[in-house]
């Protein structure tokens, strides 16, 4: 017999930790290779972690709602076979604070001495990481109880703590005497965030946001506070693309077993335009601009429950139209079925959203941080258009679509944003109608 540590796997470029939602196996039960052992939640998506070994679960190193770092062992499995028993390092019950959002790592002596003062006064559970963050910020248990949680059973997560710390001190608190650490975030105006009481007359149904809606709310509000949003609009003539798609869609479906929609065509045009304007394919970290070599286009998708998720088509610059189409269909299908993996929604460099799906002419979407641009595509609608011809101007019925680009005016000027969205329209209008798929 030998003992093997199960390691929390990497779950995407920007995911460094996960919260354990529930265990699928109990100590003493047998586990098969690739069988789900634990269900986890990140700030991106929920997922299942399969076992990398076959054997008996002999120890859980973490419990429900604990936070596990990527690369950290979370369970020990006893496997068949010879060999000496592998020693396992004792996992510190109070993980060190990860430096994020300019929150300094707490000195070990402070952490060891102070965590004992953060004890649950009721039934609410706090993970070791949340307790450590509270110690570093001088937050007492009486104040912890007032922090709204977005985790399972309203548990407070790391994201909740970061959001609370960022706005802490904007409203008076009788017990607060400690000055919070200042973060390099836009200054929050307390007058804009003071909640307005809503009288409950009995004619109103009150429901609580689900976990996904809370995350979306936090992310969207943060984006508006972070970026200077500005939007440019153009109108594209989609007539040639509409006629081409009508001609090839049945044959493509019979041959490939899936539909070809306008979304991959628009994504391909965006990828081509990025080559002409690479400074639109960047992200911002503080005062640093990261220029991405790969064009990873996020595709905002509405879920059946009304929430939103953004799977990413990776390396669009290396894919042809068929490759992009298959990637779009695969991600859309798995998004609707709740089968996306954390890596499927990580690494996006620019985003598009199709508001035309809902019959909308245009939209002004919010930037998906830390990206600097997001494009919205409106409904393709027939309308009378003045066209210039060799024999003069004529009025014709054309399939027209509005494109709108919201971009971060901190790093993208109006000229660049306007030229980029115009270039996307140019590629759409110049689409090769002789293309065979």
Protein backbone atom coordinates (compact mmCIF):
# COMPACT_ATOMS: atom_id res chain seq x y z
CA UNK A 1 0.00 0.00 0.00
CA UNK A 2 1.10 3.56 -0.65
CA UNK A 3 -0.44 6.93 0.12
CA UNK A 4 -0.81 9.53 -2.63
CA UNK A 5 -1.70 13.18 -2.35
CA UNK A 6 -4.41 14.50 -4.70
CA UNK A 7 -3.42 17.97 -5.93
CA UNK A 8 -5.82 20.80 -6.78
CA UNK A 9 -5.35 21.14 -10.58
CA UNK A 10 -4.83 24.32 -12.57
CA UNK A 11 -8.27 25.58 -13.64
CA UNK A 12 -7.46 28.46 -15.97
CA UNK A 13 -4.89 31.18 -16.45
CA UNK A 14 -6.44 33.59 -13.95
CA UNK A 15 -7.74 31.06 -11.39
CA UNK A 16 -5.41 30.58 -8.42
CA UNK A 17 -7.75 29.05 -5.85
CA UNK A 18 -11.04 27.23 -5.43
CA UNK A 19 -13.64 26.85 -2.69
CA UNK A 20 -14.80 23.34 -1.87
CA UNK A 21 -18.59 23.11 -2.29
CA UNK A 22 -19.08 19.44 -1.45
CA UNK A 23 -17.30 16.10 -1.33
CA UNK A 24 -18.54 13.32 -3.60
CA UNK A 25 -16.68 10.67 -1.57
CA UNK A 26 -16.31 10.05 2.14
CA UNK A 27 -13.28 8.74 4.04
CA UNK A 28 -13.06 4.97 3.64
CA UNK A 29 -14.82 4.84 0.26
CA UNK A 30 -13.13 3.50 -2.86
CA UNK A 31 -12.41 5.86 -5.76
CA UNK A 32 -11.86 4.95 -9.38
CA UNK A 33 -9.53 6.75 -11.76
CA UNK A 34 -11.13 9.95 -13.15
CA UNK A 35 -14.12 9.60 -10.81
CA UNK A 36 -15.34 12.88 -9.33
CA UNK A 37 -14.10 13.29 -5.77
CA UNK A 38 -14.98 16.90 -4.96
CA UNK A 39 -17.08 19.75 -6.37
CA UNK A 40 -15.47 23.19 -6.31
CA UNK A 41 -16.39 26.79 -7.06
CA UNK A 42 -14.10 29.53 -8.34
CA UNK A 43 -14.87 33.17 -9.05
CA UNK A 44 -15.43 32.05 -12.66
CA UNK A 45 -17.41 28.83 -12.70
CA UNK A 46 -18.35 25.73 -10.68
CA UNK A 47 -16.58 22.52 -11.62
CA UNK A 48 -15.84 18.92 -10.59
CA UNK A 49 -12.37 17.60 -9.77
CA UNK A 50 -11.70 13.97 -10.78
CA UNK A 51 -9.33 11.68 -8.93
CA UNK A 52 -5.94 11.15 -10.55
CA UNK A 53 -5.48 7.80 -8.77
CA UNK A 54 -7.50 4.70 -7.95
CA UNK A 55 -7.75 3.65 -4.33
CA UNK A 56 -9.37 4.39 -0.98
CA UNK A 57 -9.92 7.90 0.37
CA UNK A 58 -8.16 7.94 3.73
CA UNK A 59 -8.03 11.64 4.58
CA UNK A 60 -9.69 14.93 3.64
CA UNK A 61 -7.30 17.82 4.08
CA UNK A 62 -10.06 20.41 3.67
CA UNK A 63 -13.75 20.63 4.50
CA UNK A 64 -16.72 22.26 2.75
CA UNK A 65 -16.30 26.01 2.13
CA UNK A 66 -12.53 25.87 2.70
CA UNK A 67 -10.36 27.62 0.10
CA UNK A 68 -7.66 25.52 -1.61
CA UNK A 69 -4.81 27.01 -3.63
CA UNK A 70 -3.99 25.59 -7.06
CA UNK A 71 -1.16 23.06 -6.68
CA UNK A 72 -2.01 22.35 -3.02
CA UNK A 73 -2.93 18.80 -1.87
CA UNK A 74 -6.56 18.49 -0.80
CA UNK A 75 -6.94 14.75 -0.09
CA UNK A 76 -4.92 11.58 0.49
CA UNK A 77 -5.70 8.30 -1.27
CA UNK A 78 -4.33 4.88 -0.36
CA UNK A 79 -3.48 2.91 -3.49
CA UNK A 80 -2.54 -0.70 -4.20
CA UNK A 81 1.09 -1.51 -4.94
CA UNK A 82 4.46 -1.60 -3.29
CA UNK A 83 6.71 1.20 -2.33
CA UNK A 84 7.24 3.15 0.80
CA UNK A 85 4.47 5.28 2.18
CA UNK A 86 4.82 8.78 0.83
CA UNK A 87 5.13 11.31 3.61
CA UNK A 88 2.65 14.10 3.44
CA UNK A 89 3.31 17.59 4.67
CA UNK A 90 0.92 18.89 7.25
CA UNK A 91 -1.32 21.45 5.67
CA UNK A 92 -1.42 24.72 7.56
CA UNK A 93 -4.97 25.23 8.76
CA UNK A 94 -4.59 28.96 8.19
CA UNK A 95 -3.26 29.55 4.65
CA UNK A 96 -1.13 32.61 4.10
CA UNK A 97 -2.73 35.62 2.51
CA UNK A 98 -2.13 35.85 -1.24
CA UNK A 99 -1.15 39.32 -2.39
CA UNK A 100 -4.06 40.49 -4.50
CA UNK A 101 -5.60 43.88 -5.15
CA UNK A 102 -2.58 45.41 -3.38
CA UNK A 103 -3.46 43.80 -0.04
CA UNK A 104 -0.16 43.15 1.70
CA UNK A 105 0.68 39.67 2.97
CA UNK A 106 0.20 39.58 6.72
CA UNK A 107 3.29 38.84 8.83
CA UNK A 108 3.28 35.29 10.15
CA UNK A 109 3.56 36.38 13.77
CA UNK A 110 0.47 38.56 13.46
CA UNK A 111 -1.47 35.83 11.69
CA UNK A 112 -0.62 33.19 14.28
CA UNK A 113 -1.39 35.42 17.21
CA UNK A 114 -4.58 36.99 15.92
CA UNK A 115 -6.52 34.31 14.09
CA UNK A 116 -7.64 32.90 17.40
CA UNK A 117 -9.61 36.10 18.04
CA UNK A 118 -11.72 35.54 14.90
CA UNK A 119 -14.12 32.95 16.22
CA UNK A 120 -17.63 32.22 15.07
CA UNK A 121 -20.18 33.74 17.39
CA UNK A 122 -23.02 31.88 15.70
CA UNK A 123 -23.65 29.21 13.06
CA UNK A 124 -22.04 31.11 10.18
CA UNK A 125 -18.87 29.47 8.86
CA UNK A 126 -15.75 31.41 7.81
CA UNK A 127 -12.92 29.79 5.85
CA UNK A 128 -9.31 30.13 7.06
CA UNK A 129 -8.50 32.51 4.19
CA UNK A 130 -11.43 34.79 5.04
CA UNK A 131 -10.39 34.82 8.70
CA UNK A 132 -6.81 35.68 7.73
CA UNK A 133 -7.99 38.58 5.58
CA UNK A 134 -10.13 39.82 8.47
CA UNK A 135 -7.12 39.75 10.79
CA UNK A 136 -4.99 41.66 8.30
CA UNK A 137 -7.65 44.37 8.00
CA UNK A 138 -8.48 44.57 11.72
CA UNK A 139 -12.06 43.37 11.15
CA UNK A 140 -13.70 42.02 14.29
CA UNK A 141 -16.34 39.28 14.40
CA UNK A 142 -19.13 41.77 15.08
CA UNK A 143 -18.27 43.45 11.80
CA UNK A 144 -17.80 40.14 9.96
CA UNK A 145 -21.39 39.17 10.72
CA UNK A 146 -22.61 42.19 8.73
CA UNK A 147 -20.72 41.31 5.52
CA UNK A 148 -23.07 39.88 2.85
CA UNK A 149 -21.90 36.56 1.42
CA UNK A 150 -22.23 35.24 -2.13
CA UNK A 151 -21.02 31.72 -1.38
CA UNK A 152 -23.06 28.65 -0.69
CA UNK A 153 -25.53 29.24 2.18
CA UNK A 154 -24.52 32.94 2.14
CA UNK A 155 -20.95 32.14 3.19
CA UNK A 156 -18.42 34.96 2.88
CA UNK A 157 -15.89 34.35 0.08
CA UNK A 158 -12.56 35.97 -0.75
CA UNK A 159 -14.30 38.06 -3.42
CA UNK A 160 -16.83 39.27 -0.84
CA UNK A 161 -13.98 40.29 1.47
CA UNK A 162 -12.18 42.17 -1.32
CA UNK A 163 -15.37 44.02 -2.23
CA UNK A 164 -16.12 44.85 1.40
CA UNK A 165 -12.57 46.02 2.12
CA UNK A 166 -12.63 48.23 -0.97
CA UNK A 167 -15.77 50.08 0.17
CA UNK A 168 -15.17 49.76 3.90
CA UNK A 169 -15.39 53.07 5.67
CA UNK A 170 -17.73 54.73 3.16
CA UNK A 171 -20.62 54.34 5.63
CA UNK A 172 -20.38 55.05 9.37
CA UNK A 173 -20.07 52.11 11.72
CA UNK A 174 -20.34 52.37 15.48
CA UNK A 175 -17.75 49.69 16.20
CA UNK A 176 -15.18 50.62 13.56
CA UNK A 177 -12.11 52.41 14.92
CA UNK A 178 -9.37 50.99 12.69
CA UNK A 179 -8.29 52.86 9.55
CA UNK A 180 -8.54 50.51 6.55
CA UNK A 181 -5.66 49.91 4.16
CA UNK A 182 -6.08 52.14 1.11
CA UNK A 183 -6.31 50.25 -2.20
CA UNK A 184 -5.30 51.52 -5.61
CA UNK A 185 -8.89 51.53 -6.77
CA UNK A 186 -11.10 54.37 -7.96
CA UNK A 187 -12.40 56.37 -5.02
CA UNK A 188 -15.91 55.34 -4.07
CA UNK A 189 -18.39 58.16 -3.52
CA UNK A 190 -20.43 57.21 -0.47
CA UNK A 191 -23.39 59.28 -1.62
CA UNK A 192 -23.75 57.18 -4.76
CA UNK A 193 -23.74 53.85 -2.95
CA UNK A 194 -25.97 54.60 0.02
CA UNK A 195 -28.87 52.16 -0.34
CA UNK A 196 -32.32 53.72 -0.59
CA UNK A 197 -34.86 52.05 1.69
CA UNK A 198 -37.74 50.46 -0.22
CA UNK A 199 -41.03 50.28 1.61
CA UNK A 200 -42.56 46.81 1.60
CA UNK A 201 -46.30 47.27 1.27
CA UNK A 202 -47.02 43.58 0.86
CA UNK A 203 -47.54 43.97 -2.90
CA UNK A 204 -43.89 43.20 -3.68
CA UNK A 205 -42.22 39.81 -3.85
CA UNK A 206 -38.67 39.84 -2.49
CA UNK A 207 -36.16 37.31 -3.83
CA UNK A 208 -32.43 37.06 -3.21
CA UNK A 209 -29.91 37.11 -6.04
CA UNK A 210 -28.42 33.70 -6.77
CA UNK A 211 -24.67 33.20 -6.56
CA UNK A 212 -24.05 33.82 -10.27
CA UNK A 213 -26.11 37.03 -10.30
CA UNK A 214 -24.19 38.34 -7.26
CA UNK A 215 -20.87 37.71 -9.05
CA UNK A 216 -22.12 39.41 -12.22
CA UNK A 217 -23.35 42.38 -10.19
CA UNK A 218 -20.00 42.80 -8.46
CA UNK A 219 -18.01 42.40 -11.69
CA UNK A 220 -20.12 44.85 -13.69
CA UNK A 221 -20.06 47.51 -10.96
CA UNK A 222 -16.30 47.12 -10.61
CA UNK A 223 -15.86 47.54 -14.37
CA UNK A 224 -17.81 50.82 -14.46
CA UNK A 225 -15.80 52.12 -11.50
CA UNK A 226 -12.50 51.07 -13.09
CA UNK A 227 -12.77 52.06 -16.77
CA UNK A 228 -13.73 55.29 -18.49
CA UNK A 229 -16.39 53.82 -20.81
CA UNK A 230 -17.06 55.31 -24.22
CA UNK A 231 -18.97 53.78 -27.16
CA UNK A 232 -18.67 54.19 -30.94
CA UNK A 233 -21.25 53.01 -33.51
CA UNK A 234 -21.18 52.02 -37.17
CA UNK A 235 -23.67 50.34 -39.51
CA UNK A 236 -22.66 47.38 -41.64
CA UNK A 237 -24.30 46.07 -44.81
CA UNK A 238 -24.77 42.33 -44.18
CA UNK A 239 -26.68 41.58 -47.41
CA UNK A 240 -23.94 39.55 -49.08
CA UNK A 241 -23.33 37.51 -45.91
CA UNK A 242 -27.06 36.85 -45.44
CA UNK A 243 -27.40 35.63 -49.04
CA UNK A 244 -24.23 33.49 -48.76
CA UNK A 245 -25.36 31.88 -45.51
CA UNK A 246 -28.80 31.10 -46.93
CA UNK A 247 -27.04 29.31 -49.78
CA UNK A 248 -24.64 27.16 -47.71
CA UNK A 249 -26.37 26.56 -44.38
CA UNK A 250 -28.31 23.41 -45.34
CA UNK A 251 -25.32 21.72 -46.93
CA UNK A 252 -23.12 22.66 -43.97
CA UNK A 253 -25.62 21.22 -41.49
CA UNK A 254 -25.92 17.95 -43.40
CA UNK A 255 -22.15 17.58 -43.69
CA UNK A 256 -21.03 18.85 -40.27
CA UNK A 257 -24.14 18.10 -38.19
CA UNK A 258 -24.39 21.66 -36.86
CA UNK A 259 -25.58 25.12 -37.84
CA UNK A 260 -23.49 27.94 -39.21
CA UNK A 261 -24.66 31.25 -37.71
CA UNK A 262 -23.62 34.87 -38.07
CA UNK A 263 -21.66 34.81 -34.80
CA UNK A 264 -18.53 33.01 -36.10
CA UNK A 265 -18.49 35.26 -39.18
CA UNK A 266 -18.47 38.34 -36.94
CA UNK A 267 -15.82 36.83 -34.66
CA UNK A 268 -13.60 36.13 -37.67
CA UNK A 269 -13.98 39.76 -38.80
CA UNK A 270 -13.03 40.95 -35.31
CA UNK A 271 -9.94 38.73 -35.37
CA UNK A 272 -8.91 40.19 -38.73
CA UNK A 273 -9.42 43.74 -37.47
CA UNK A 274 -7.25 43.07 -34.41
CA UNK A 275 -4.32 42.38 -36.76
CA UNK A 276 -4.76 45.90 -38.12
CA UNK A 277 -5.22 47.49 -34.68
CA UNK A 278 -3.35 45.33 -32.13
CA UNK A 279 -3.64 47.96 -29.37
CA UNK A 280 -7.33 47.08 -29.03
CA UNK A 281 -6.31 43.54 -27.98
CA UNK A 282 -4.77 44.57 -24.67
CA UNK A 283 -5.51 44.50 -20.96
CA UNK A 284 -4.62 46.91 -18.17
CA UNK A 285 -2.97 46.14 -14.85
CA UNK A 286 -2.39 49.28 -12.83
CA UNK A 287 -0.32 51.54 -15.11
CA UNK A 288 0.92 48.64 -17.26
CA UNK A 289 -0.57 47.70 -20.64
CA UNK A 290 -0.36 44.02 -21.62
CA UNK A 291 -0.40 43.52 -25.42
CA UNK A 292 -1.66 40.02 -26.24
CA UNK A 293 -0.26 38.06 -29.15
CA UNK A 294 -3.23 35.68 -29.30
CA UNK A 295 -6.71 36.88 -30.21
CA UNK A 296 -8.93 35.15 -27.63
CA UNK A 297 -12.46 36.40 -28.22
CA UNK A 298 -15.01 36.01 -25.44
CA UNK A 299 -18.56 35.28 -26.54
CA UNK A 300 -21.19 36.51 -24.10
CA UNK A 301 -23.90 33.87 -23.82
CA UNK A 302 -27.23 34.04 -21.98
CA UNK A 303 -27.99 30.97 -19.86
CA UNK A 304 -31.46 29.45 -19.47
CA UNK A 305 -31.74 30.93 -15.96
CA UNK A 306 -31.17 34.43 -17.36
CA UNK A 307 -27.60 34.77 -16.11
CA UNK A 308 -24.65 35.52 -18.36
CA UNK A 309 -21.40 33.66 -18.99
CA UNK A 310 -18.54 34.41 -21.39
CA UNK A 311 -16.79 31.35 -22.90
CA UNK A 312 -13.67 32.13 -24.91
CA UNK A 313 -12.69 31.06 -28.44
CA UNK A 314 -8.91 30.74 -28.14
CA UNK A 315 -6.38 31.79 -30.82
CA UNK A 316 -8.93 32.96 -33.35
CA UNK A 317 -6.10 34.27 -35.55
CA UNK A 318 -5.11 30.64 -36.24
CA UNK A 319 -8.61 29.35 -37.04
CA UNK A 320 -10.56 29.47 -40.29
CA UNK A 321 -14.31 30.04 -40.42
CA UNK A 322 -15.13 26.34 -40.00
CA UNK A 323 -12.84 26.09 -36.98
CA UNK A 324 -14.39 29.16 -35.36
CA UNK A 325 -17.90 27.87 -36.12
CA UNK A 326 -17.24 24.53 -34.44
CA UNK A 327 -15.69 26.23 -31.42
CA UNK A 328 -18.65 28.61 -31.09
CA UNK A 329 -21.23 25.82 -31.34
CA UNK A 330 -19.35 23.60 -28.88
CA UNK A 331 -18.99 26.34 -26.25
CA UNK A 332 -22.59 27.51 -26.68
CA UNK A 333 -23.93 23.97 -26.26
CA UNK A 334 -21.84 23.27 -23.17
CA UNK A 335 -22.72 26.68 -21.68
CA UNK A 336 -26.45 25.94 -21.95
CA UNK A 337 -25.89 22.52 -20.41
CA UNK A 338 -23.73 23.81 -17.56
CA UNK A 339 -20.75 21.76 -18.80
CA UNK A 340 -18.16 24.51 -19.21
CA UNK A 341 -14.76 24.03 -17.55
CA UNK A 342 -12.88 26.87 -15.83
CA UNK A 343 -10.38 27.08 -18.69
CA UNK A 344 -13.25 27.60 -21.18
CA UNK A 345 -13.98 31.04 -19.72
CA UNK A 346 -10.39 32.11 -18.98
CA UNK A 347 -7.88 34.07 -21.02
CA UNK A 348 -10.18 36.31 -23.08
CA UNK A 349 -8.55 39.37 -24.63
CA UNK A 350 -11.61 41.04 -26.25
CA UNK A 351 -15.33 40.24 -26.11
CA UNK A 352 -18.37 40.32 -28.38
CA UNK A 353 -22.03 40.12 -27.43
CA UNK A 354 -24.92 39.57 -29.83
CA UNK A 355 -27.80 41.75 -28.62
CA UNK A 356 -29.50 41.16 -31.98
CA UNK A 357 -30.52 37.73 -30.68
CA UNK A 358 -33.17 39.54 -28.63
CA UNK A 359 -34.28 41.77 -31.49
CA UNK A 360 -32.29 44.79 -30.25
CA UNK A 361 -30.92 47.30 -32.76
CA UNK A 362 -27.80 48.15 -30.76
CA UNK A 363 -26.31 48.13 -27.27
CA UNK A 364 -23.68 49.77 -25.08
CA UNK A 365 -22.12 46.79 -23.27
CA UNK A 366 -19.91 46.98 -20.18
CA UNK A 367 -16.25 46.05 -20.61
CA UNK A 368 -15.19 42.64 -19.31
CA UNK A 369 -12.24 43.57 -17.08
CA UNK A 370 -9.26 43.59 -17.43
CA UNK A 371 -9.95 43.79 -21.18
CA UNK A 372 -10.37 47.20 -22.79
CA UNK A 373 -13.05 46.60 -25.44
CA UNK A 374 -16.32 44.77 -26.05
CA UNK A 375 -18.36 44.84 -29.26
CA UNK A 376 -22.14 44.45 -29.51
CA UNK A 377 -23.90 43.28 -32.67
CA UNK A 378 -27.47 44.35 -33.27
CA UNK A 379 -30.27 42.62 -35.14
CA UNK A 380 -29.87 42.21 -38.92
CA UNK A 381 -32.81 44.13 -40.32
CA UNK A 382 -34.03 44.97 -43.82
CA UNK A 383 -34.19 48.70 -44.54
CA UNK A 384 -34.09 51.15 -47.42
CA UNK A 385 -30.52 52.36 -48.01
CA UNK A 386 -29.07 54.90 -50.41
CA UNK A 387 -26.35 53.22 -52.48
CA UNK A 388 -23.82 54.87 -54.78
CA UNK A 389 -23.50 53.19 -58.18
CA UNK A 390 -21.78 53.95 -61.48
CA UNK A 391 -25.04 55.30 -62.86
CA UNK A 392 -25.85 57.37 -59.77
CA UNK A 393 -27.44 57.00 -56.37
CA UNK A 394 -30.22 54.43 -55.93
CA UNK A 395 -32.42 53.37 -53.03
CA UNK A 396 -32.23 49.63 -52.35
CA UNK A 397 -33.48 47.19 -49.73
CA UNK A 398 -30.46 45.89 -47.80
CA UNK A 399 -29.82 43.78 -44.68
CA UNK A 400 -28.23 46.22 -42.23
CA UNK A 401 -26.73 45.71 -38.77
CA UNK A 402 -25.43 48.17 -36.15
CA UNK A 403 -22.09 47.47 -34.48
CA UNK A 404 -21.19 49.23 -31.25
CA UNK A 405 -17.82 49.14 -29.50
CA UNK A 406 -17.47 50.08 -25.84
CA UNK A 407 -13.85 50.75 -24.97
CA UNK A 408 -11.69 51.94 -22.11
CA UNK A 409 -10.84 55.58 -22.77
CA UNK A 410 -7.89 55.36 -20.35
CA UNK A 411 -5.87 53.51 -22.99
CA UNK A 412 -8.03 53.50 -26.15
CA UNK A 413 -8.64 56.87 -27.77
CA UNK A 414 -11.69 57.66 -29.88
CA UNK A 415 -9.70 57.39 -33.10
CA UNK A 416 -8.52 53.85 -32.35
CA UNK A 417 -11.92 52.67 -31.09
CA UNK A 418 -13.76 54.22 -34.03
CA UNK A 419 -11.31 52.88 -36.61
CA UNK A 420 -11.43 49.37 -35.17
CA UNK A 421 -15.22 49.02 -35.24
CA UNK A 422 -15.28 50.54 -38.74
CA UNK A 423 -12.67 47.99 -39.85
CA UNK A 424 -14.81 45.14 -38.54
CA UNK A 425 -17.71 46.46 -40.64
CA UNK A 426 -15.41 46.71 -43.68
CA UNK A 427 -14.38 43.06 -43.33
CA UNK A 428 -18.03 42.02 -43.05
CA UNK A 429 -19.05 44.03 -46.11
CA UNK A 430 -16.09 42.64 -48.04
CA UNK A 431 -16.84 39.02 -47.11
CA UNK A 432 -15.78 36.49 -49.77
CA UNK A 433 -19.08 35.07 -51.05
CA UNK A 434 -17.23 32.45 -53.14
CA UNK A 435 -16.02 30.75 -49.95
CA UNK A 436 -16.97 27.07 -49.66
CA UNK A 437 -17.54 25.48 -46.27
